[in-house]
């Protein structure tokens, strides 16, 4: 997609509030994404905002302390301002963004860790899995490696005219 089309898109970033790893990953990606979107915002809670505040976002949405009964309405208003949602590991927020009709991208540096695959990962428009070679045999990592091999096998078969 060329930059003229992407510059009209509105990107909302987010990170799971689990240590500083997810929010640091989003902060690290921000400079590379900024120039490609017409609007870039961040939605998060508590300390996940600490690394985001110094960055030149168009909007910073702090949902810390939003009462549960207002949470869905507040998030619906935020989501309505964006087209694409990119999160580092916040599967719950990804589900809500998906339900709101946003294109959902999930960055997962812990692919090797998960014992099961959350449905939102399977439903995501793009899943970016960071694979630490040799870490955590089994679980989700094996699932994705198997799916990737199967896709490559089907692709080769289709190119050669064979049907699998």
N, C-alpha and C. Protein backbone atom coordinates (compact mmCIF):
# COMPACT_ATOMS: atom_id res chain seq x y z
N UNK A 1 0.84 -1.16 0.00
CA UNK A 1 0.00 0.00 0.00
C UNK A 1 0.89 1.24 0.00
N UNK A 2 0.62 2.20 -0.87
CA UNK A 2 1.49 3.37 -0.92
C UNK A 2 1.18 4.33 0.23
N UNK A 3 2.13 5.22 0.49
CA UNK A 3 2.02 6.13 1.62
C UNK A 3 0.82 7.05 1.54
N UNK A 4 0.39 7.45 0.33
CA UNK A 4 -0.76 8.36 0.22
C UNK A 4 -2.02 7.72 0.77
N UNK A 5 -2.19 6.42 0.58
CA UNK A 5 -3.34 5.72 1.14
C UNK A 5 -3.15 5.52 2.64
N UNK A 6 -1.95 5.08 3.05
CA UNK A 6 -1.70 4.84 4.47
C UNK A 6 -1.80 6.11 5.30
N UNK A 7 -1.40 7.27 4.74
CA UNK A 7 -1.45 8.51 5.50
C UNK A 7 -2.87 8.90 5.88
N UNK A 8 -3.84 8.35 5.22
CA UNK A 8 -5.24 8.63 5.57
C UNK A 8 -5.73 7.68 6.67
N UNK A 9 -5.03 6.59 6.88
CA UNK A 9 -5.42 5.62 7.89
C UNK A 9 -5.07 6.13 9.28
N UNK A 10 -5.85 5.67 10.25
CA UNK A 10 -5.66 6.09 11.64
C UNK A 10 -5.32 4.86 12.48
N UNK A 11 -4.18 4.93 13.14
CA UNK A 11 -3.63 3.78 13.87
C UNK A 11 -3.73 4.01 15.38
N UNK A 12 -4.25 3.01 16.09
CA UNK A 12 -4.33 3.05 17.54
C UNK A 12 -3.42 1.96 18.09
N UNK A 13 -2.46 2.36 18.93
CA UNK A 13 -1.51 1.44 19.53
C UNK A 13 -1.90 1.13 20.97
N UNK A 14 -1.41 -0.01 21.47
CA UNK A 14 -1.77 -0.48 22.81
C UNK A 14 -0.76 -1.53 23.25
N UNK A 15 -0.65 -1.71 24.58
CA UNK A 15 0.23 -2.75 25.11
C UNK A 15 -0.39 -3.35 26.37
N UNK A 16 -0.22 -4.64 26.51
CA UNK A 16 -0.66 -5.36 27.71
C UNK A 16 0.07 -4.80 28.93
N UNK A 17 -0.66 -4.50 30.00
CA UNK A 17 0.00 -4.00 31.21
C UNK A 17 0.66 -5.14 32.01
N UNK A 18 1.74 -5.65 31.46
CA UNK A 18 2.48 -6.75 32.08
C UNK A 18 3.96 -6.41 31.99
N UNK A 19 4.52 -5.87 33.06
CA UNK A 19 5.91 -5.44 33.01
C UNK A 19 6.07 -4.33 31.98
N UNK A 20 7.31 -4.02 31.65
CA UNK A 20 7.55 -2.97 30.67
C UNK A 20 7.84 -3.50 29.28
N UNK A 21 7.91 -4.82 29.11
CA UNK A 21 8.22 -5.39 27.79
C UNK A 21 7.26 -4.99 26.70
N UNK A 22 5.94 -5.24 26.87
CA UNK A 22 5.01 -4.90 25.81
C UNK A 22 4.98 -3.40 25.48
N UNK A 23 4.95 -2.55 26.51
CA UNK A 23 4.88 -1.11 26.24
C UNK A 23 6.19 -0.59 25.65
N UNK A 24 7.31 -1.21 26.03
CA UNK A 24 8.60 -0.83 25.43
C UNK A 24 8.63 -1.22 23.96
N UNK A 25 8.06 -2.36 23.62
CA UNK A 25 8.01 -2.79 22.22
C UNK A 25 7.22 -1.81 21.37
N UNK A 26 6.07 -1.36 21.89
CA UNK A 26 5.25 -0.39 21.16
C UNK A 26 5.99 0.94 21.03
N UNK A 27 6.62 1.39 22.11
CA UNK A 27 7.39 2.64 22.06
C UNK A 27 8.52 2.53 21.04
N UNK A 28 9.13 1.37 20.93
CA UNK A 28 10.22 1.15 19.99
C UNK A 28 9.73 1.17 18.54
N UNK A 29 8.52 0.68 18.31
CA UNK A 29 7.95 0.65 16.96
C UNK A 29 7.42 2.01 16.52
N UNK A 30 7.01 2.83 17.47
CA UNK A 30 6.33 4.09 17.16
C UNK A 30 7.05 4.94 16.12
N UNK A 31 8.35 5.22 16.26
CA UNK A 31 9.01 6.09 15.27
C UNK A 31 8.94 5.55 13.84
N UNK A 32 8.88 4.24 13.71
CA UNK A 32 8.83 3.63 12.38
C UNK A 32 7.42 3.67 11.78
N UNK A 33 6.43 3.84 12.62
CA UNK A 33 5.04 3.85 12.17
C UNK A 33 4.51 5.27 11.95
N UNK A 34 4.99 6.20 12.73
CA UNK A 34 4.47 7.58 12.78
C UNK A 34 4.25 8.18 11.39
N UNK A 35 5.24 8.11 10.54
CA UNK A 35 5.17 8.78 9.24
C UNK A 35 4.21 8.12 8.25
N UNK A 36 3.75 6.92 8.55
CA UNK A 36 2.93 6.18 7.60
C UNK A 36 1.42 6.30 7.84
N UNK A 37 1.03 7.04 8.86
CA UNK A 37 -0.39 7.14 9.20
C UNK A 37 -0.79 8.59 9.41
N UNK A 38 -2.03 8.89 9.07
CA UNK A 38 -2.54 10.24 9.23
C UNK A 38 -2.75 10.62 10.68
N UNK A 39 -3.07 9.63 11.50
CA UNK A 39 -3.28 9.85 12.93
C UNK A 39 -2.78 8.63 13.68
N UNK A 40 -2.04 8.85 14.76
CA UNK A 40 -1.58 7.74 15.60
C UNK A 40 -1.90 8.08 17.04
N UNK A 41 -2.60 7.15 17.68
CA UNK A 41 -2.94 7.31 19.09
C UNK A 41 -2.51 6.10 19.89
N UNK A 42 -2.58 6.25 21.19
CA UNK A 42 -2.27 5.14 22.10
C UNK A 42 -3.38 5.08 23.14
N UNK A 43 -3.84 3.87 23.44
CA UNK A 43 -4.80 3.67 24.51
C UNK A 43 -4.21 2.67 25.50
N UNK A 44 -4.26 3.03 26.78
CA UNK A 44 -3.69 2.13 27.77
C UNK A 44 -4.01 2.57 29.19
N UNK A 45 -3.45 1.80 30.11
CA UNK A 45 -3.68 2.05 31.54
C UNK A 45 -2.35 2.14 32.28
N UNK A 46 -2.40 2.88 33.39
CA UNK A 46 -1.29 2.91 34.33
C UNK A 46 0.07 3.12 33.72
N UNK A 47 1.00 2.26 34.13
CA UNK A 47 2.40 2.40 33.74
C UNK A 47 2.65 2.18 32.25
N UNK A 48 1.71 1.58 31.52
CA UNK A 48 1.95 1.39 30.08
C UNK A 48 2.06 2.74 29.38
N UNK A 49 1.49 3.77 30.01
CA UNK A 49 1.55 5.11 29.43
C UNK A 49 2.89 5.80 29.68
N UNK A 50 3.64 5.34 30.67
CA UNK A 50 4.89 6.01 31.05
C UNK A 50 5.87 6.13 29.88
N UNK A 51 6.03 5.08 29.12
CA UNK A 51 6.96 5.13 27.98
C UNK A 51 6.34 5.79 26.75
N UNK A 52 5.03 5.97 26.76
CA UNK A 52 4.35 6.54 25.60
C UNK A 52 4.23 8.07 25.68
N UNK A 53 4.15 8.59 26.89
CA UNK A 53 3.92 10.04 27.08
C UNK A 53 4.92 10.94 26.35
N UNK A 54 6.22 10.59 26.33
CA UNK A 54 7.16 11.48 25.64
C UNK A 54 7.08 11.43 24.10
N UNK A 55 6.36 10.47 23.55
CA UNK A 55 6.31 10.30 22.10
C UNK A 55 5.25 11.22 21.49
N UNK A 56 5.46 11.67 20.25
CA UNK A 56 4.54 12.63 19.63
C UNK A 56 3.27 11.99 19.04
N UNK A 57 2.46 11.42 19.91
CA UNK A 57 1.16 10.87 19.48
C UNK A 57 0.21 12.01 19.16
N UNK A 58 -0.75 11.74 18.29
CA UNK A 58 -1.82 12.71 18.07
C UNK A 58 -2.77 12.72 19.25
N UNK A 59 -2.98 11.54 19.83
CA UNK A 59 -3.85 11.41 21.00
C UNK A 59 -3.32 10.31 21.91
N UNK A 60 -3.41 10.57 23.21
CA UNK A 60 -3.04 9.59 24.22
C UNK A 60 -4.29 9.36 25.06
N UNK A 61 -4.82 8.15 25.03
CA UNK A 61 -6.07 7.83 25.71
C UNK A 61 -5.76 7.03 26.98
N UNK A 62 -5.87 7.68 28.12
CA UNK A 62 -5.62 7.05 29.42
C UNK A 62 -6.95 6.54 29.95
N UNK A 63 -7.11 5.22 29.98
CA UNK A 63 -8.36 4.63 30.47
C UNK A 63 -8.19 4.04 31.87
N UNK A 64 -7.15 4.49 32.57
CA UNK A 64 -6.91 4.06 33.95
C UNK A 64 -8.10 4.50 34.81
N UNK A 65 -8.63 3.60 35.58
CA UNK A 65 -9.68 3.95 36.52
C UNK A 65 -11.06 4.17 35.93
N UNK A 66 -11.24 3.91 34.65
CA UNK A 66 -12.58 4.04 34.06
C UNK A 66 -13.45 2.95 34.68
N UNK A 67 -14.59 3.33 35.28
CA UNK A 67 -15.45 2.32 35.90
C UNK A 67 -15.90 1.26 34.89
N UNK A 68 -16.00 0.03 35.34
CA UNK A 68 -16.36 -1.09 34.47
C UNK A 68 -17.63 -0.82 33.68
N UNK A 69 -18.61 -0.19 34.33
CA UNK A 69 -19.88 0.05 33.64
C UNK A 69 -19.77 1.09 32.52
N UNK A 70 -18.70 1.88 32.51
CA UNK A 70 -18.48 2.87 31.46
C UNK A 70 -17.42 2.45 30.45
N UNK A 71 -16.70 1.40 30.76
CA UNK A 71 -15.57 0.97 29.95
C UNK A 71 -15.93 0.75 28.49
N UNK A 72 -17.00 0.01 28.22
CA UNK A 72 -17.37 -0.30 26.84
C UNK A 72 -17.70 0.97 26.06
N UNK A 73 -18.42 1.90 26.68
CA UNK A 73 -18.79 3.14 26.00
C UNK A 73 -17.57 4.01 25.74
N UNK A 74 -16.66 4.10 26.71
CA UNK A 74 -15.44 4.89 26.55
C UNK A 74 -14.59 4.31 25.43
N UNK A 75 -14.41 2.98 25.44
CA UNK A 75 -13.60 2.35 24.39
C UNK A 75 -14.27 2.47 23.02
N UNK A 76 -15.59 2.36 22.96
CA UNK A 76 -16.29 2.50 21.68
C UNK A 76 -16.04 3.88 21.09
N UNK A 77 -16.04 4.90 21.94
CA UNK A 77 -15.76 6.25 21.46
C UNK A 77 -14.33 6.36 20.94
N UNK A 78 -13.39 5.78 21.66
CA UNK A 78 -11.98 5.81 21.23
C UNK A 78 -11.80 5.04 19.93
N UNK A 79 -12.34 3.83 19.89
CA UNK A 79 -12.19 2.98 18.71
C UNK A 79 -12.79 3.64 17.45
N UNK A 80 -13.85 4.41 17.63
CA UNK A 80 -14.51 5.04 16.47
C UNK A 80 -13.61 6.05 15.78
N UNK A 81 -12.52 6.46 16.41
CA UNK A 81 -11.60 7.44 15.86
C UNK A 81 -10.46 6.81 15.05
N UNK A 82 -10.46 5.45 14.94
CA UNK A 82 -9.33 4.76 14.33
C UNK A 82 -9.80 3.68 13.36
N UNK A 83 -8.86 3.26 12.49
CA UNK A 83 -9.12 2.20 11.51
C UNK A 83 -8.39 0.90 11.85
N UNK A 84 -7.19 1.05 12.42
CA UNK A 84 -6.32 -0.10 12.67
C UNK A 84 -5.89 -0.08 14.13
N UNK A 85 -5.86 -1.27 14.73
CA UNK A 85 -5.46 -1.43 16.13
C UNK A 85 -4.27 -2.37 16.17
N UNK A 86 -3.16 -1.89 16.75
CA UNK A 86 -1.96 -2.72 16.91
C UNK A 86 -1.64 -2.83 18.39
N UNK A 87 -1.60 -4.05 18.90
CA UNK A 87 -1.30 -4.27 20.30
C UNK A 87 -0.13 -5.20 20.49
N UNK A 88 0.57 -4.99 21.58
CA UNK A 88 1.58 -5.94 22.03
C UNK A 88 0.94 -6.71 23.17
N UNK A 89 0.41 -7.87 22.83
CA UNK A 89 -0.07 -8.87 23.79
C UNK A 89 -1.39 -8.61 24.51
N UNK A 90 -2.06 -7.50 24.30
CA UNK A 90 -3.31 -7.25 25.04
C UNK A 90 -4.47 -7.90 24.29
N UNK A 91 -4.63 -9.20 24.52
CA UNK A 91 -5.64 -9.97 23.81
C UNK A 91 -7.06 -9.50 24.13
N UNK A 92 -7.31 -9.09 25.36
CA UNK A 92 -8.64 -8.60 25.75
C UNK A 92 -8.99 -7.32 24.98
N UNK A 93 -8.05 -6.39 24.93
CA UNK A 93 -8.29 -5.15 24.19
C UNK A 93 -8.41 -5.43 22.70
N UNK A 94 -7.66 -6.40 22.20
CA UNK A 94 -7.75 -6.77 20.78
C UNK A 94 -9.14 -7.31 20.45
N UNK A 95 -9.72 -8.10 21.36
CA UNK A 95 -11.09 -8.60 21.16
C UNK A 95 -12.07 -7.45 21.06
N UNK A 96 -11.91 -6.46 21.93
CA UNK A 96 -12.83 -5.31 21.92
C UNK A 96 -12.65 -4.48 20.65
N UNK A 97 -11.42 -4.31 20.20
CA UNK A 97 -11.16 -3.56 18.96
C UNK A 97 -11.75 -4.30 17.77
N UNK A 98 -11.58 -5.61 17.76
CA UNK A 98 -12.13 -6.43 16.67
C UNK A 98 -13.65 -6.32 16.63
N UNK A 99 -14.28 -6.39 17.81
CA UNK A 99 -15.74 -6.26 17.90
C UNK A 99 -16.21 -4.89 17.42
N UNK A 100 -15.35 -3.88 17.57
CA UNK A 100 -15.69 -2.52 17.14
C UNK A 100 -15.44 -2.31 15.64
N UNK A 101 -14.92 -3.35 14.97
CA UNK A 101 -14.74 -3.29 13.53
C UNK A 101 -13.38 -2.81 13.06
N UNK A 102 -12.42 -2.68 13.96
CA UNK A 102 -11.08 -2.25 13.55
C UNK A 102 -10.31 -3.43 12.96
N UNK A 103 -9.39 -3.13 12.07
CA UNK A 103 -8.42 -4.10 11.61
C UNK A 103 -7.49 -4.34 12.79
N UNK A 104 -7.26 -5.60 13.15
CA UNK A 104 -6.49 -5.91 14.36
C UNK A 104 -5.16 -6.59 14.01
N UNK A 105 -4.09 -6.02 14.58
CA UNK A 105 -2.75 -6.57 14.43
C UNK A 105 -2.24 -6.86 15.84
N UNK A 106 -1.72 -8.07 16.03
CA UNK A 106 -1.18 -8.47 17.33
C UNK A 106 0.30 -8.80 17.18
N UNK A 107 1.12 -8.12 18.00
CA UNK A 107 2.54 -8.45 18.09
C UNK A 107 2.72 -9.31 19.33
N UNK A 108 3.34 -10.46 19.16
CA UNK A 108 3.48 -11.42 20.25
C UNK A 108 4.92 -11.91 20.36
N UNK A 109 5.67 -11.39 21.35
CA UNK A 109 7.03 -11.87 21.55
C UNK A 109 7.09 -13.13 22.41
N UNK A 110 5.94 -13.63 22.84
CA UNK A 110 5.90 -14.80 23.73
C UNK A 110 5.22 -16.00 23.08
N UNK A 111 5.28 -16.08 21.79
CA UNK A 111 4.62 -17.17 21.06
C UNK A 111 4.97 -18.54 21.65
N UNK A 112 6.20 -18.69 22.03
CA UNK A 112 6.70 -19.96 22.57
C UNK A 112 6.09 -20.28 23.94
N UNK A 113 5.55 -19.30 24.61
CA UNK A 113 5.09 -19.45 25.99
C UNK A 113 3.68 -20.02 26.11
N UNK A 114 2.79 -19.64 25.22
CA UNK A 114 1.38 -19.97 25.37
C UNK A 114 1.10 -21.46 25.20
N UNK A 115 0.28 -21.97 26.08
CA UNK A 115 -0.15 -23.38 25.98
C UNK A 115 -1.33 -23.52 25.03
N UNK A 116 -2.14 -22.48 24.95
CA UNK A 116 -3.29 -22.48 24.04
C UNK A 116 -3.29 -21.15 23.27
N UNK A 117 -3.95 -21.17 22.14
CA UNK A 117 -4.03 -20.00 21.28
C UNK A 117 -5.36 -19.28 21.55
N UNK A 118 -5.32 -18.03 21.99
CA UNK A 118 -6.58 -17.29 22.17
C UNK A 118 -7.29 -17.13 20.83
N UNK A 119 -8.59 -17.18 20.83
CA UNK A 119 -9.37 -17.07 19.60
C UNK A 119 -9.08 -15.76 18.87
N UNK A 120 -8.87 -14.67 19.61
CA UNK A 120 -8.62 -13.38 18.97
C UNK A 120 -7.34 -13.42 18.13
N UNK A 121 -6.38 -14.23 18.51
CA UNK A 121 -5.16 -14.38 17.72
C UNK A 121 -5.50 -15.04 16.39
N UNK A 122 -6.33 -16.04 16.43
CA UNK A 122 -6.74 -16.74 15.21
C UNK A 122 -7.58 -15.83 14.31
N UNK A 123 -8.32 -14.90 14.93
CA UNK A 123 -9.20 -14.00 14.18
C UNK A 123 -8.51 -12.71 13.74
N UNK A 124 -7.32 -12.45 14.24
CA UNK A 124 -6.62 -11.20 13.93
C UNK A 124 -6.34 -11.08 12.44
N UNK A 125 -6.30 -9.86 11.96
CA UNK A 125 -5.99 -9.62 10.55
C UNK A 125 -4.52 -9.88 10.27
N UNK A 126 -3.68 -9.62 11.27
CA UNK A 126 -2.26 -9.91 11.15
C UNK A 126 -1.73 -10.28 12.52
N UNK A 127 -1.00 -11.37 12.59
CA UNK A 127 -0.38 -11.82 13.84
C UNK A 127 1.11 -11.86 13.60
N UNK A 128 1.84 -11.03 14.35
CA UNK A 128 3.29 -10.95 14.22
C UNK A 128 3.90 -11.70 15.39
N UNK A 129 4.44 -12.87 15.12
CA UNK A 129 4.99 -13.72 16.17
C UNK A 129 6.51 -13.61 16.16
N UNK A 130 7.06 -13.29 17.31
CA UNK A 130 8.52 -13.26 17.45
C UNK A 130 8.94 -14.63 17.93
N UNK A 131 9.76 -15.29 17.16
CA UNK A 131 10.18 -16.64 17.48
C UNK A 131 11.59 -16.64 18.04
N UNK A 132 11.73 -17.02 19.30
CA UNK A 132 13.05 -17.17 19.89
C UNK A 132 13.47 -18.61 19.67
N UNK A 133 14.35 -18.83 18.72
CA UNK A 133 14.74 -20.17 18.32
C UNK A 133 15.17 -21.00 19.53
N UNK A 134 14.56 -22.17 19.65
CA UNK A 134 14.92 -23.09 20.71
C UNK A 134 14.17 -22.87 22.01
N UNK A 135 13.45 -21.77 22.12
CA UNK A 135 12.72 -21.49 23.37
C UNK A 135 11.37 -22.18 23.34
N UNK A 136 11.01 -22.78 24.45
CA UNK A 136 9.66 -23.28 24.67
C UNK A 136 9.10 -24.20 23.63
N UNK A 137 9.65 -25.37 23.47
CA UNK A 137 9.08 -26.33 22.54
C UNK A 137 7.67 -26.68 22.99
N UNK A 138 6.78 -26.77 22.03
CA UNK A 138 5.40 -27.14 22.33
C UNK A 138 4.48 -25.93 22.34
N UNK A 139 3.22 -26.19 22.69
CA UNK A 139 2.26 -25.12 22.81
C UNK A 139 2.00 -24.37 21.52
N UNK A 140 1.77 -23.08 21.67
CA UNK A 140 1.39 -22.23 20.55
C UNK A 140 2.47 -22.18 19.47
N UNK A 141 3.72 -22.16 19.88
CA UNK A 141 4.80 -22.06 18.91
C UNK A 141 4.73 -23.21 17.91
N UNK A 142 4.51 -24.42 18.39
CA UNK A 142 4.40 -25.56 17.49
C UNK A 142 3.17 -25.46 16.59
N UNK A 143 2.08 -24.95 17.13
CA UNK A 143 0.85 -24.77 16.36
C UNK A 143 1.14 -23.86 15.16
N UNK A 144 1.79 -22.71 15.40
CA UNK A 144 2.04 -21.75 14.33
C UNK A 144 3.08 -22.27 13.35
N UNK A 145 4.10 -22.96 13.83
CA UNK A 145 5.09 -23.53 12.91
C UNK A 145 4.43 -24.55 11.99
N UNK A 146 3.56 -25.36 12.55
CA UNK A 146 2.85 -26.37 11.77
C UNK A 146 1.95 -25.70 10.73
N UNK A 147 1.20 -24.68 11.12
CA UNK A 147 0.33 -23.97 10.18
C UNK A 147 1.14 -23.32 9.07
N UNK A 148 2.29 -22.76 9.43
CA UNK A 148 3.13 -22.10 8.45
C UNK A 148 3.65 -23.12 7.44
N UNK A 149 4.10 -24.28 7.91
CA UNK A 149 4.59 -25.32 7.01
C UNK A 149 3.47 -25.80 6.09
N UNK A 150 2.27 -25.96 6.65
CA UNK A 150 1.13 -26.42 5.87
C UNK A 150 0.80 -25.41 4.78
N UNK A 151 0.80 -24.11 5.11
CA UNK A 151 0.52 -23.08 4.13
C UNK A 151 1.55 -23.11 3.00
N UNK A 152 2.85 -23.24 3.35
CA UNK A 152 3.90 -23.28 2.32
C UNK A 152 3.72 -24.51 1.44
N UNK A 153 3.36 -25.63 2.04
CA UNK A 153 3.16 -26.87 1.29
C UNK A 153 1.99 -26.71 0.31
N UNK A 154 0.89 -26.14 0.78
CA UNK A 154 -0.27 -25.92 -0.10
C UNK A 154 0.06 -24.95 -1.22
N UNK A 155 0.83 -23.91 -0.90
CA UNK A 155 1.23 -22.92 -1.90
C UNK A 155 2.07 -23.57 -2.99
N UNK A 156 3.06 -24.38 -2.58
CA UNK A 156 3.91 -25.08 -3.57
C UNK A 156 3.07 -26.02 -4.44
N UNK A 157 2.13 -26.72 -3.81
CA UNK A 157 1.27 -27.65 -4.55
C UNK A 157 0.42 -26.90 -5.57
N UNK A 158 -0.11 -25.75 -5.18
CA UNK A 158 -0.93 -24.96 -6.08
C UNK A 158 -0.11 -24.45 -7.27
N UNK A 159 1.13 -24.05 -7.01
CA UNK A 159 1.99 -23.55 -8.08
C UNK A 159 2.37 -24.66 -9.05
N UNK A 160 2.50 -25.88 -8.56
CA UNK A 160 2.91 -26.98 -9.43
C UNK A 160 1.72 -27.66 -10.11
N UNK A 161 0.51 -27.24 -9.73
CA UNK A 161 -0.68 -27.84 -10.34
C UNK A 161 -1.20 -29.04 -9.61
N UNK A 162 -0.49 -29.48 -8.54
CA UNK A 162 -0.96 -30.60 -7.74
C UNK A 162 -2.02 -30.11 -6.75
N UNK A 163 -2.92 -30.96 -6.41
CA UNK A 163 -3.95 -30.61 -5.42
C UNK A 163 -3.69 -31.42 -4.17
N UNK A 164 -3.67 -30.73 -3.04
CA UNK A 164 -3.50 -31.42 -1.75
C UNK A 164 -4.75 -31.35 -0.96
